[in-house]
């Protein structure tokens, strides 16, 4: 029986590559960063070995996730070149790169577009109040700079993922204002693929002394977000941060339709192991949801890519799109793969 589009939940078969954990920001809730100079950079040779090991694993997305080197650092150019080279190598070895490396210059984004099918940057929260608390020592967390990156992505026609971090000292009104800002920019450029709603989940490295965001609040937040966001923006939630299966299903019922990249390790939340594909399937299927793999770029954005990237994406679409869905609905009606 063909799968109905309304019953589909997607995820990306992904693997995260970290060029460096060093970061000049010091967000107090972070469980990812290390101090500048304390984290060796990933070499291209080491990355090539990793990519080779993934070539028979049905991994389509390589998420390039990096700590930020200061734009004023003498290491900035080398850092950016390493990210570019890692993307170029991933593409050459048959993968689809997606980069999230913090704030980038317009020219850097423009160059990365040639070796990425999509990119991302979390807005987290736009309230300036956090600059006095969790973002006090985080120069790149200025709200106006992060909004500018979303604008640039639209101008450059880069399919983009952004999101909110919930429970870091903001108010509910801050959520709605941030979501409204995302929609406003999207209505101008129509380039936002997904918005992630990520609950703060305490880890062993952070210094931020606050409880986890109550996952029981998430369904209501998702439902309201669904009303604020444009209808063609998918809401994503990280299932490893919603421990209770009932509340994970409640989040999906409320309007979340994507579970993000599923890889061996959640680098941002290393204390919370990813639920793997089969585990998720066992939760979703009894409730009537079909878990379906997707690419890191949605079909409506294919024409924004170079011919080389389009060819790579076309091949992956043939590999990942379930036949039953194509037979039942027609691929032109599927905004999710």
Protein backbone atom coordinates (compact mmCIF):
# COMPACT_ATOMS: atom_id res chain seq x y z
CA UNK A 1 0.00 0.00 0.00
CA UNK A 2 1.41 3.45 -0.89
CA UNK A 3 2.52 5.62 2.04
CA UNK A 4 0.48 8.79 2.51
CA UNK A 5 2.50 12.01 2.63
CA UNK A 6 0.64 13.07 5.79
CA UNK A 7 1.98 10.03 7.64
CA UNK A 8 5.66 10.57 6.79
CA UNK A 9 8.43 11.55 9.21
CA UNK A 10 11.86 12.09 7.68
CA UNK A 11 15.47 11.86 8.76
CA UNK A 12 18.83 12.24 7.05
CA UNK A 13 21.30 9.31 7.01
CA UNK A 14 24.25 11.44 8.07
CA UNK A 15 27.74 11.47 9.50
CA UNK A 16 29.24 14.44 11.32
CA UNK A 17 32.75 15.61 10.51
CA UNK A 18 34.36 18.09 12.93
CA UNK A 19 37.24 20.13 11.45
CA UNK A 20 38.01 21.46 14.94
CA UNK A 21 36.34 21.75 18.31
CA UNK A 22 38.18 24.96 19.13
CA UNK A 23 35.90 27.97 19.32
CA UNK A 24 36.37 31.60 20.24
CA UNK A 25 32.82 31.73 21.64
CA UNK A 26 32.29 30.63 25.23
CA UNK A 27 28.58 29.90 25.50
CA UNK A 28 27.99 28.61 29.01
CA UNK A 29 25.61 25.83 27.88
CA UNK A 30 28.05 24.40 25.30
CA UNK A 31 29.22 20.79 25.51
CA UNK A 32 31.11 20.87 22.20
CA UNK A 33 33.87 23.49 22.26
CA UNK A 34 37.48 23.50 23.35
CA UNK A 35 39.76 26.50 23.83
CA UNK A 36 41.67 27.81 20.80
CA UNK A 37 44.86 25.86 20.32
CA UNK A 38 43.63 22.91 22.39
CA UNK A 39 41.94 20.90 19.63
CA UNK A 40 43.93 19.40 16.73
CA UNK A 41 42.38 20.08 13.36
CA UNK A 42 41.09 17.15 11.36
CA UNK A 43 43.47 16.36 8.50
CA UNK A 44 42.28 15.61 4.99
CA UNK A 45 43.99 12.22 5.14
CA UNK A 46 42.06 11.30 8.30
CA UNK A 47 38.82 12.55 6.74
CA UNK A 48 39.44 10.49 3.62
CA UNK A 49 39.79 7.37 5.76
CA UNK A 50 36.48 8.17 7.45
CA UNK A 51 34.75 8.78 4.13
CA UNK A 52 36.06 5.50 2.72
CA UNK A 53 34.58 3.63 5.68
CA UNK A 54 31.18 5.23 5.04
CA UNK A 55 30.90 4.51 1.34
CA UNK A 56 29.00 1.24 1.85
CA UNK A 57 26.92 2.46 4.79
CA UNK A 58 24.12 4.32 2.92
CA UNK A 59 25.26 7.61 4.46
CA UNK A 60 24.24 10.43 2.14
CA UNK A 61 24.91 13.57 4.19
CA UNK A 62 28.26 14.72 5.51
CA UNK A 63 27.58 17.39 8.12
CA UNK A 64 30.61 19.63 8.48
CA UNK A 65 30.16 20.96 12.01
CA UNK A 66 32.92 23.17 13.35
CA UNK A 67 33.86 25.39 16.21
CA UNK A 68 34.45 28.99 15.15
CA UNK A 69 37.83 30.59 14.59
CA UNK A 70 37.66 34.33 15.18
CA UNK A 71 37.35 36.42 12.01
CA UNK A 72 40.31 38.41 13.36
CA UNK A 73 42.52 35.36 13.91
CA UNK A 74 45.52 34.73 11.63
CA UNK A 75 44.22 31.13 11.48
CA UNK A 76 40.86 32.13 9.96
CA UNK A 77 41.87 31.65 6.31
CA UNK A 78 43.41 28.23 7.00
CA UNK A 79 40.34 27.20 8.99
CA UNK A 80 37.99 28.18 6.20
CA UNK A 81 40.14 26.43 3.61
CA UNK A 82 40.08 23.23 5.68
CA UNK A 83 36.27 23.34 5.78
CA UNK A 84 36.12 23.92 2.02
CA UNK A 85 38.57 21.08 1.34
CA UNK A 86 36.61 18.68 3.56
CA UNK A 87 33.42 19.51 1.65
CA UNK A 88 35.14 19.15 -1.72
CA UNK A 89 36.58 15.77 -0.71
CA UNK A 90 33.20 14.55 0.57
CA UNK A 91 31.57 15.53 -2.70
CA UNK A 92 34.29 13.83 -4.74
CA UNK A 93 33.77 10.62 -2.74
CA UNK A 94 30.03 10.51 -3.38
CA UNK A 95 28.52 12.32 -0.39
CA UNK A 96 26.36 15.44 -0.08
CA UNK A 97 27.96 18.07 2.19
CA UNK A 98 26.04 20.38 4.52
CA UNK A 99 28.09 22.93 6.47
CA UNK A 100 27.27 24.53 9.81
CA UNK A 101 30.39 26.38 10.93
CA UNK A 102 28.98 29.40 12.71
CA UNK A 103 29.11 32.92 11.34
CA UNK A 104 30.64 33.23 7.90
CA UNK A 105 31.42 36.19 5.67
CA UNK A 106 29.35 36.70 2.53
CA UNK A 107 32.31 35.69 0.34
CA UNK A 108 32.89 32.56 2.44
CA UNK A 109 29.27 31.50 2.05
CA UNK A 110 29.43 32.21 -1.66
CA UNK A 111 32.48 29.97 -2.05
CA UNK A 112 31.05 27.16 0.10
CA UNK A 113 27.91 27.12 -2.03
CA UNK A 114 29.90 25.43 -4.80
CA UNK A 115 30.67 22.41 -2.58
CA UNK A 116 27.56 22.23 -0.38
CA UNK A 117 23.99 21.25 -1.24
CA UNK A 118 22.74 23.20 1.80
CA UNK A 119 24.03 25.02 4.86
CA UNK A 120 22.84 26.00 8.33
CA UNK A 121 23.15 28.29 11.34
CA UNK A 122 21.12 28.20 14.54
CA UNK A 123 19.64 31.54 15.51
CA UNK A 124 19.16 30.12 19.02
CA UNK A 125 17.30 33.18 20.34
CA UNK A 126 17.22 36.76 19.09
CA UNK A 127 16.72 38.41 22.47
CA UNK A 128 19.69 40.67 23.39
CA UNK A 129 19.12 39.81 27.08
CA UNK A 130 21.20 36.63 26.59
CA UNK A 131 24.25 38.76 25.74
CA UNK A 132 24.40 39.50 29.46
CA UNK A 133 24.14 35.85 30.50
CA UNK A 134 24.83 32.70 28.46
CA UNK A 135 26.27 34.66 25.49
CA UNK A 136 28.31 37.13 27.52
CA UNK A 137 31.55 35.74 26.08
CA UNK A 138 30.22 34.77 22.66
CA UNK A 139 31.00 37.51 20.10
CA UNK A 140 29.30 35.73 17.20
CA UNK A 141 25.98 35.36 19.04
CA UNK A 142 24.92 38.94 18.33
CA UNK A 143 21.35 38.58 17.03
CA UNK A 144 21.78 41.05 14.18
CA UNK A 145 24.82 39.16 12.85
CA UNK A 146 23.00 35.84 12.82
CA UNK A 147 19.94 37.31 11.13
CA UNK A 148 22.26 38.80 8.53
CA UNK A 149 23.58 35.31 7.77
CA UNK A 150 20.03 34.13 7.04
CA UNK A 151 19.61 37.13 4.72
CA UNK A 152 22.86 36.35 2.91
CA UNK A 153 21.84 32.72 2.47
CA UNK A 154 18.66 33.93 0.81
CA UNK A 155 20.52 36.36 -1.45
CA UNK A 156 22.92 33.57 -2.47
CA UNK A 157 20.11 31.04 -2.95
CA UNK A 158 21.53 28.60 -0.41
CA UNK A 159 18.96 26.13 0.99
CA UNK A 160 19.19 26.75 4.71
CA UNK A 161 18.45 25.21 8.11
CA UNK A 162 18.15 27.29 11.24
CA UNK A 163 16.58 26.84 14.65
CA UNK A 164 15.92 27.77 18.25
CA UNK A 165 17.59 26.56 21.43
CA UNK A 166 14.91 26.38 24.10
CA UNK A 167 15.52 26.88 27.80
CA UNK A 168 18.64 29.06 27.96
CA UNK A 169 17.05 31.98 29.80
CA UNK A 170 14.65 33.33 27.18
CA UNK A 171 10.90 33.86 27.46
CA UNK A 172 8.10 32.31 25.41
CA UNK A 173 7.59 35.68 23.71
CA UNK A 174 11.21 35.44 22.58
CA UNK A 175 10.38 32.13 20.85
CA UNK A 176 7.53 33.65 18.87
CA UNK A 177 9.57 36.73 17.92
CA UNK A 178 12.45 34.57 16.70
CA UNK A 179 10.12 32.34 14.68
CA UNK A 180 8.40 35.40 13.20
CA UNK A 181 11.79 36.81 12.15
CA UNK A 182 12.63 33.54 10.40
CA UNK A 183 9.31 33.58 8.53
CA UNK A 184 9.79 37.20 7.53
CA UNK A 185 13.15 36.47 5.92
CA UNK A 186 11.86 33.27 4.35
CA UNK A 187 8.95 35.12 2.74
CA UNK A 188 11.49 37.30 0.97
CA UNK A 189 13.79 34.53 -0.32
CA UNK A 190 11.92 31.19 0.19
CA UNK A 191 15.15 29.42 1.19
CA UNK A 192 14.55 28.04 4.71
CA UNK A 193 14.17 24.25 4.56
CA UNK A 194 13.89 23.43 8.25
CA UNK A 195 13.63 25.03 11.66
CA UNK A 196 15.01 22.97 14.53
CA UNK A 197 13.39 23.24 17.96
CA UNK A 198 16.13 22.00 20.27
CA UNK A 199 15.48 21.69 24.00
CA UNK A 200 18.40 22.59 26.28
CA UNK A 201 19.74 19.31 27.63
CA UNK A 202 22.46 19.64 30.29
CA UNK A 203 25.78 17.98 29.61
CA UNK A 204 28.93 17.26 31.57
CA UNK A 205 31.04 20.03 30.02
CA UNK A 206 28.78 23.07 30.38
CA UNK A 207 28.95 25.66 33.16
CA UNK A 208 25.36 26.85 32.70
CA UNK A 209 23.49 25.81 35.83
CA UNK A 210 19.93 25.29 34.66
CA UNK A 211 17.55 22.35 34.39
CA UNK A 212 16.71 20.74 31.07
CA UNK A 213 13.93 22.23 29.01
CA UNK A 214 10.75 20.39 29.94
CA UNK A 215 9.99 18.10 26.97
CA UNK A 216 6.33 18.09 28.01
CA UNK A 217 6.23 21.71 26.81
CA UNK A 218 7.50 20.83 23.36
CA UNK A 219 4.24 19.77 21.68
CA UNK A 220 2.61 23.11 22.54
CA UNK A 221 5.69 25.02 21.32
CA UNK A 222 5.68 23.01 18.09
CA UNK A 223 1.98 23.62 17.51
CA UNK A 224 2.44 27.38 17.94
CA UNK A 225 5.57 27.34 15.77
CA UNK A 226 3.59 25.58 13.06
CA UNK A 227 1.15 28.49 13.09
CA UNK A 228 3.91 31.12 12.87
CA UNK A 229 6.24 29.52 10.34
CA UNK A 230 5.55 29.43 6.62
CA UNK A 231 3.85 26.18 5.61
CA UNK A 232 6.78 25.10 3.40
CA UNK A 233 9.24 25.16 6.32
CA UNK A 234 9.62 21.77 8.02
CA UNK A 235 9.87 21.63 11.81
CA UNK A 236 12.68 19.37 13.05
CA UNK A 237 13.20 17.95 16.53
CA UNK A 238 16.16 15.91 17.83
CA UNK A 239 14.66 12.62 19.08
CA UNK A 240 17.59 11.85 21.39
CA UNK A 241 16.66 14.92 23.44
CA UNK A 242 13.03 13.81 23.88
CA UNK A 243 13.50 10.76 26.04
CA UNK A 244 9.88 9.77 26.54
CA UNK A 245 8.47 7.93 23.51
CA UNK A 246 4.98 9.24 24.19
CA UNK A 247 6.19 12.81 24.10
CA UNK A 248 8.20 12.20 20.94
CA UNK A 249 5.00 11.01 19.29
CA UNK A 250 3.14 13.99 20.75
CA UNK A 251 5.72 16.31 19.14
CA UNK A 252 5.10 14.68 15.78
CA UNK A 253 1.34 14.90 16.20
CA UNK A 254 1.81 18.61 16.99
CA UNK A 255 3.54 19.27 13.67
CA UNK A 256 7.20 18.17 13.79
CA UNK A 257 7.95 16.13 10.67
CA UNK A 258 11.72 15.69 10.62
CA UNK A 259 14.18 14.08 13.05
CA UNK A 260 17.38 15.56 11.63
CA UNK A 261 20.60 13.80 10.85
CA UNK A 262 20.92 10.37 12.46
CA UNK A 263 24.59 9.53 12.93
CA UNK A 264 26.68 7.48 15.38
CA UNK A 265 27.24 10.46 17.71
CA UNK A 266 25.51 13.74 18.49
CA UNK A 267 28.54 16.02 18.59
CA UNK A 268 26.60 18.96 20.02
CA UNK A 269 24.99 16.85 22.77
CA UNK A 270 27.53 14.06 23.33
CA UNK A 271 25.84 12.96 26.57
CA UNK A 272 22.70 11.98 24.62
CA UNK A 273 23.26 9.11 22.17
CA UNK A 274 21.29 9.21 18.94
CA UNK A 275 18.39 6.85 18.56
CA UNK A 276 19.22 4.86 15.45
CA UNK A 277 16.91 4.19 12.53
CA UNK A 278 15.48 0.87 13.70
CA UNK A 279 14.77 2.17 17.21
CA UNK A 280 12.91 5.13 15.75
CA UNK A 281 10.98 2.91 13.38
CA UNK A 282 9.81 0.77 16.30
CA UNK A 283 8.47 3.87 18.05
CA UNK A 284 6.82 5.43 15.01
CA UNK A 285 5.29 2.56 13.07
CA UNK A 286 2.83 1.32 15.73
CA UNK A 287 1.49 4.88 15.88
CA UNK A 288 0.98 5.01 12.11
CA UNK A 289 4.05 7.02 11.11
CA UNK A 290 6.43 5.97 8.34
CA UNK A 291 10.11 6.85 8.83
CA UNK A 292 11.61 7.86 5.48
CA UNK A 293 15.19 8.91 4.64
CA UNK A 294 15.74 12.26 2.95
CA UNK A 295 18.61 14.21 1.44
CA UNK A 296 20.09 17.37 3.00
CA UNK A 297 18.47 19.38 0.18
CA UNK A 298 14.74 19.41 -0.61
CA UNK A 299 13.71 19.00 -4.28
CA UNK A 300 12.33 22.50 -4.73
CA UNK A 301 15.86 23.87 -4.37
CA UNK A 302 17.60 21.61 -6.90
CA UNK A 303 17.74 24.31 -9.58
CA UNK A 304 19.74 26.53 -7.22
CA UNK A 305 22.74 24.18 -7.45
CA UNK A 306 25.51 23.83 -10.00
CA UNK A 307 25.24 21.07 -12.59
CA UNK A 308 27.80 18.98 -10.69
CA UNK A 309 25.82 19.15 -7.46
CA UNK A 310 22.55 18.48 -9.26
CA UNK A 311 24.00 15.30 -10.76
CA UNK A 312 25.13 14.06 -7.33
CA UNK A 313 21.74 14.83 -5.80
CA UNK A 314 19.86 13.15 -8.65
CA UNK A 315 21.79 9.94 -8.08
CA UNK A 316 21.04 9.96 -4.35
CA UNK A 317 17.35 10.60 -4.96
CA UNK A 318 17.18 7.42 -7.01
CA UNK A 319 18.88 5.53 -4.18
CA UNK A 320 16.87 6.83 -1.21
CA UNK A 321 13.32 7.51 -2.41
CA UNK A 322 11.06 4.59 -1.47
CA UNK A 323 9.36 3.04 -4.49
CA UNK A 324 5.99 2.72 -2.73
CA UNK A 325 5.87 6.48 -2.16
CA UNK A 326 6.78 7.30 -5.72
CA UNK A 327 4.12 4.93 -7.01
CA UNK A 328 1.48 6.28 -4.69
CA UNK A 329 2.08 10.02 -4.88
CA UNK A 330 4.39 11.06 -7.70
CA UNK A 331 7.81 12.44 -6.87
CA UNK A 332 6.96 15.97 -8.03
CA UNK A 333 4.61 16.30 -5.06
CA UNK A 334 7.22 15.35 -2.48
CA UNK A 335 8.90 18.34 -0.82
CA UNK A 336 10.75 16.15 1.66
CA UNK A 337 13.32 14.06 -0.17
